[in-house]
Protein backbone atom coordinates (compact mmCIF):
# COMPACT_ATOMS: atom_id res chain seq x y z
CA MET A 1 -0.01 0.01 0.01
CA SER A 2 1.34 3.44 -0.91
CA ASP A 3 1.69 6.20 1.70
CA LEU A 4 1.60 9.58 0.02
CA ARG A 5 1.66 12.46 2.43
CA ALA A 6 0.65 16.00 1.46
CA GLU A 7 3.60 17.55 3.26
CA TRP A 8 6.03 15.78 0.91
CA PHE A 9 4.77 17.95 -1.99
CA ARG A 10 5.08 21.33 -0.31
CA PRO A 11 7.98 23.66 -1.29
CA GLU A 12 9.46 23.56 2.19
CA ALA A 13 9.90 19.79 1.93
CA ILE A 14 12.37 20.23 -0.92
CA THR A 15 16.01 20.66 0.07
CA LEU A 16 17.83 23.72 -1.13
CA GLU A 17 20.19 21.53 -3.14
CA THR A 18 17.28 19.85 -4.99
CA ALA A 19 15.51 23.19 -5.55
CA GLU A 20 18.66 24.69 -7.05
CA PHE A 21 19.17 21.59 -9.26
CA ASN A 22 15.55 21.79 -10.50
CA ALA A 23 15.88 25.47 -11.30
CA LYS A 24 19.09 24.88 -13.25
CA LEU A 25 17.57 21.98 -15.12
CA GLU A 26 14.47 23.94 -16.07
CA ALA A 27 16.61 26.80 -17.40
CA GLN A 28 18.70 24.42 -19.47
CA VAL A 29 15.62 22.71 -20.91
CA ALA A 30 13.93 26.01 -21.71
CA ALA A 31 16.99 27.18 -23.66
CA ALA A 32 17.35 24.05 -25.69
CA PRO A 33 15.26 22.63 -28.56
CA HIS A 34 12.59 20.21 -27.49
CA ALA A 35 13.96 16.64 -27.24
CA THR A 36 11.53 15.36 -29.92
CA THR A 37 13.01 17.80 -32.49
CA ILE A 38 16.60 16.59 -32.13
CA PRO A 39 17.78 13.75 -34.37
CA ILE A 40 18.31 10.63 -32.30
CA GLU A 41 21.96 10.40 -33.35
CA GLU A 42 22.63 13.80 -31.86
CA THR A 43 20.80 12.92 -28.66
CA ARG A 44 22.89 9.78 -28.24
CA ALA A 45 26.15 11.61 -28.97
CA LEU A 46 25.29 14.32 -26.46
CA ARG A 47 24.38 11.80 -23.72
CA ASP A 48 27.52 9.77 -24.47
CA ALA A 49 29.66 12.87 -23.96
CA MET A 50 27.85 13.80 -20.76
CA ASN A 51 28.32 10.33 -19.26
CA GLU A 52 31.82 9.45 -20.54
CA SER A 53 33.33 10.14 -17.10
CA LYS A 54 31.18 7.36 -15.62
CA ARG A 55 32.68 4.63 -17.87
CA LEU A 56 35.00 2.55 -15.73
CA ALA A 57 38.10 0.96 -17.23
CA HIS A 58 37.87 -2.10 -15.01
CA ALA A 59 34.39 -3.07 -16.16
CA GLU A 60 34.27 -6.39 -18.05
CA GLU A 61 32.64 -6.37 -21.46
CA ARG A 62 30.64 -9.56 -22.07
CA SER A 63 27.98 -10.81 -24.43
CA PHE A 64 25.16 -13.13 -23.35
CA GLY A 65 24.18 -14.51 -26.69
CA PRO A 66 23.58 -11.41 -28.82
CA VAL A 67 23.30 -9.07 -25.84
CA PRO A 68 26.40 -6.99 -24.92
CA SER A 69 26.68 -6.30 -21.21
CA ARG A 70 29.15 -4.85 -18.73
CA ILE A 71 30.10 -6.49 -15.43
CA LEU A 72 31.55 -4.92 -12.30
CA ARG A 73 32.91 -7.12 -9.55
CA PRO A 74 33.66 -5.96 -6.00
CA THR A 75 37.31 -6.21 -4.94
CA ASP A 76 36.76 -8.41 -1.91
CA ARG A 77 33.87 -10.90 -2.12
CA ILE A 78 30.60 -11.46 -4.02
CA GLU A 79 27.46 -12.19 -2.06
CA GLY A 80 24.87 -11.47 -4.76
CA VAL A 81 24.33 -10.20 -8.27
CA PHE A 82 22.38 -7.12 -9.43
CA LEU A 83 20.97 -7.21 -12.96
CA TRP A 84 20.68 -3.57 -14.04
CA ILE A 85 18.72 -2.22 -17.05
CA HIS A 86 19.54 1.36 -18.06
CA GLY A 87 17.13 4.14 -18.97
CA GLY A 88 16.98 6.49 -21.91
CA GLY A 89 13.43 6.39 -23.17
CA TRP A 90 14.11 3.09 -25.01
CA ARG A 91 16.01 5.15 -27.61
CA ALA A 92 19.17 6.31 -25.89
CA GLY A 93 21.41 5.18 -23.03
CA ARG A 94 24.36 2.78 -22.70
CA PRO A 95 25.09 0.06 -20.19
CA TRP A 96 27.95 2.21 -18.78
CA TYR A 97 25.96 5.36 -18.02
CA GLN A 98 25.43 4.49 -14.37
CA GLU A 99 28.72 2.74 -13.67
CA ASP A 100 29.63 5.20 -10.93
CA TYR A 101 26.42 4.29 -9.16
CA LEU A 102 26.79 0.57 -9.85
CA TRP A 103 30.40 0.53 -8.66
CA GLU A 104 29.35 2.17 -5.39
CA LEU A 105 26.69 -0.56 -4.98
CA ALA A 106 29.17 -3.30 -5.89
CA GLN A 107 31.65 -2.12 -3.26
CA SER A 108 29.27 -1.35 -0.46
CA GLY A 109 26.95 -4.32 -0.96
CA HIS A 110 29.54 -6.92 -2.01
CA ILE A 111 27.61 -7.63 -5.24
CA ALA A 112 28.54 -8.08 -8.83
CA THR A 113 26.57 -5.87 -11.22
CA VAL A 114 25.53 -6.83 -14.75
CA SER A 115 24.36 -3.96 -16.97
CA VAL A 116 22.42 -4.96 -20.07
CA GLY A 117 23.05 -3.33 -23.46
CA TYR A 118 19.69 -3.96 -25.07
CA ARG A 119 18.77 -2.84 -28.61
CA LEU A 120 17.37 0.67 -28.96
CA THR A 121 14.48 2.24 -30.86
CA PRO A 122 13.59 3.43 -33.42
CA GLU A 123 15.96 1.01 -35.22
CA HIS A 124 14.74 -1.91 -33.09
CA ALA A 125 11.10 -1.68 -32.00
CA TYR A 126 9.19 -4.08 -29.69
CA PRO A 127 9.97 -6.85 -28.88
CA ALA A 128 13.71 -6.34 -29.36
CA ALA A 129 14.52 -4.67 -26.00
CA PRO A 130 12.39 -7.03 -23.89
CA ASP A 131 13.84 -9.98 -25.78
CA ASP A 132 17.38 -8.82 -25.00
CA CYS A 133 16.68 -8.24 -21.32
CA GLU A 134 14.98 -11.64 -21.04
CA ALA A 135 17.98 -13.30 -22.69
CA ALA A 136 20.37 -11.59 -20.29
CA ALA A 137 18.22 -12.52 -17.25
CA LEU A 138 17.94 -16.13 -18.40
CA TRP A 139 21.65 -16.41 -18.88
CA LEU A 140 22.28 -14.91 -15.44
CA VAL A 141 19.82 -17.24 -13.70
CA GLN A 142 21.42 -20.25 -15.36
CA HIS A 143 25.06 -19.21 -14.82
CA ALA A 144 25.21 -16.92 -11.78
CA ALA A 145 26.38 -19.67 -9.44
CA SER A 146 29.24 -20.79 -11.71
CA GLU A 147 30.16 -17.25 -12.81
CA PHE A 148 29.90 -15.41 -9.52
CA GLY A 149 29.69 -18.07 -6.84
CA THR A 150 26.11 -17.15 -5.86
CA ASP A 151 22.59 -17.47 -7.24
CA ARG A 152 21.24 -14.58 -5.16
CA ILE A 153 19.92 -12.12 -7.83
CA VAL A 154 18.15 -8.77 -7.67
CA ILE A 155 16.87 -6.97 -10.76
CA GLY A 156 16.51 -3.26 -11.24
CA GLY A 157 16.40 -0.39 -13.68
CA ALA A 158 15.74 3.32 -14.17
CA SER A 159 13.04 4.95 -16.30
CA ALA A 160 12.71 2.80 -19.42
CA GLY A 161 14.93 0.31 -17.58
CA GLY A 162 12.42 0.11 -14.73
CA HIS A 163 9.76 -0.68 -17.35
CA LEU A 164 11.92 -3.34 -18.93
CA ALA A 165 12.77 -4.82 -15.55
CA ALA A 166 9.06 -5.22 -14.77
CA VAL A 167 8.47 -6.83 -18.20
CA THR A 168 11.46 -9.16 -17.60
CA LEU A 169 10.14 -10.26 -14.19
CA GLN A 170 6.82 -11.31 -15.76
CA ARG A 171 8.55 -13.00 -18.71
CA MET A 172 10.89 -14.98 -16.45
CA ARG A 173 7.93 -16.24 -14.45
CA ASP A 174 5.63 -16.98 -17.36
CA ARG A 175 8.11 -18.32 -19.95
CA HIS A 176 10.72 -19.96 -17.69
CA GLY A 177 8.96 -20.64 -14.41
CA TYR A 178 11.49 -18.54 -12.54
CA THR A 179 10.36 -16.51 -9.54
CA GLY A 180 13.65 -16.52 -7.65
CA PHE A 181 14.61 -12.85 -7.83
CA LEU A 182 15.21 -11.71 -4.28
CA GLY A 183 14.03 -8.16 -4.98
CA ALA A 184 13.45 -5.44 -7.50
CA ASP A 185 14.92 -1.92 -7.41
CA MET A 186 12.78 0.34 -9.58
CA LEU A 187 13.83 3.95 -10.16
CA TYR A 188 11.26 6.30 -11.76
CA GLY A 189 9.96 3.58 -14.10
CA VAL A 190 7.02 3.78 -16.49
CA TYR A 191 4.60 0.84 -16.25
CA ASP A 192 1.56 2.07 -18.25
CA LEU A 193 2.70 3.17 -21.69
CA GLY A 194 -0.79 4.47 -22.48
CA GLY A 195 -0.22 7.34 -20.07
CA THR A 196 -1.88 8.00 -16.73
CA PRO A 197 -3.81 11.25 -16.18
CA TRP A 198 -0.87 12.64 -14.24
CA MET A 199 1.51 11.93 -17.10
CA ARG A 200 -0.81 13.64 -19.59
CA THR A 201 -1.53 16.77 -17.53
CA VAL A 202 0.82 17.51 -14.62
CA GLY A 203 3.65 15.90 -16.57
CA GLU A 204 3.60 18.82 -19.02
CA SER A 205 5.03 21.12 -16.32
CA VAL A 206 7.85 18.79 -15.36
CA PRO A 207 11.37 19.72 -16.59
CA ALA A 208 13.19 17.51 -19.05
CA TRP A 209 10.60 14.78 -19.64
CA ASP A 210 7.10 15.80 -20.68
CA TRP A 211 4.19 13.96 -22.25
CA ARG A 212 5.35 14.83 -25.78
CA SER A 213 8.69 13.20 -25.15
CA MET A 214 6.99 10.18 -23.62
CA GLN A 215 4.70 9.79 -26.63
CA GLN A 216 7.57 9.71 -29.04
CA GLY A 217 9.37 7.08 -26.97
CA VAL A 218 6.20 4.98 -26.69
CA GLU A 219 5.45 5.21 -30.41
CA TRP A 220 8.98 4.14 -31.33
CA PHE A 221 8.99 1.31 -28.81
CA ALA A 222 5.49 -0.14 -29.15
CA SER A 223 5.31 0.37 -32.92
CA GLY A 224 1.50 0.00 -33.10
CA HIS A 225 1.10 -2.83 -30.56
CA ASP A 226 -1.68 -2.77 -28.01
CA LEU A 227 -0.55 -0.52 -25.13
CA ARG A 228 -2.57 -2.57 -22.67
CA ASP A 229 -0.72 -5.78 -23.54
CA PRO A 230 1.06 -6.70 -20.29
CA ASP A 231 4.26 -7.30 -22.30
CA ILE A 232 4.05 -3.64 -23.32
CA SER A 233 2.52 -2.16 -20.15
CA PRO A 234 3.39 -4.49 -17.27
CA LEU A 235 0.91 -2.76 -14.95
CA TYR A 236 -1.82 -4.72 -16.68
CA GLY A 237 -0.10 -8.08 -16.10
CA ASP A 238 -0.52 -10.70 -13.46
CA LEU A 239 1.55 -9.40 -10.54
CA THR A 240 1.49 -12.54 -8.42
CA SER A 241 4.74 -14.15 -7.36
CA MET A 242 6.65 -10.90 -7.85
CA PRO A 243 9.56 -10.18 -5.47
CA PRO A 244 9.60 -7.38 -2.90
CA ALA A 245 10.16 -4.16 -4.74
CA LEU A 246 11.48 -0.68 -3.90
CA PHE A 247 9.99 2.08 -6.09
CA THR A 248 11.84 5.43 -6.05
CA ILE A 249 10.24 8.52 -7.59
CA GLY A 250 10.41 12.26 -7.25
CA THR A 251 7.34 14.35 -6.15
CA ARG A 252 7.58 16.36 -9.38
CA ASP A 253 8.30 13.41 -11.66
CA SER A 254 5.87 12.99 -14.56
CA LEU A 255 5.85 9.25 -13.73
CA LEU A 256 4.79 9.73 -10.10
CA GLU A 257 1.27 8.37 -10.53
């Protein structure tokens, strides 16, 4: 059960650091062309440049079947594995964009992290990305014990990655009978690609990611498929036998609802 408190949404609940970040982000977005008007190649190149400092030299590059992935191993011991799916609106993002965050988790939690490099839209529409994430998850379930010395696995992702993590959880249960994930770490994911009322209205006033941006991402990803298909919008799926999950979201995020 959710516990949304009114005081969380008041200006005084926002730290000065967060307020300053939001103001800076809004100014940057207002001064730039809308994301939907920029060629996808330029968007990817810009994001690559912004995140280059997060790429770690000691990450292992591996492929699980056709799926390229990057692995980070803690320096002392491995007690679990974290399967991570990056964000980027299904159309941008790389498996190394969050390696600073993943390395911190690896070191503090004594876990190996596996970041999936799934295929992107619009070149590869549904079901390419879910297929790749499923393939990586299946490989990990089958080989985690021999590869990392443990079969304790948590799955997670951010934004589009949160969506793909939810789809992967249902696919692993329905197609492979696997319900052994110990938990799910979902950061500002989107689970109803048709758009909730909040996404369509309040989301228009949110910096960086509005409903128009979301529509482009959904159109490229779903490519005409039924948006209420649970394999497209996992919110409509059977949610039994799912692991404990942590959902993290900002009070001004267009995905809050």
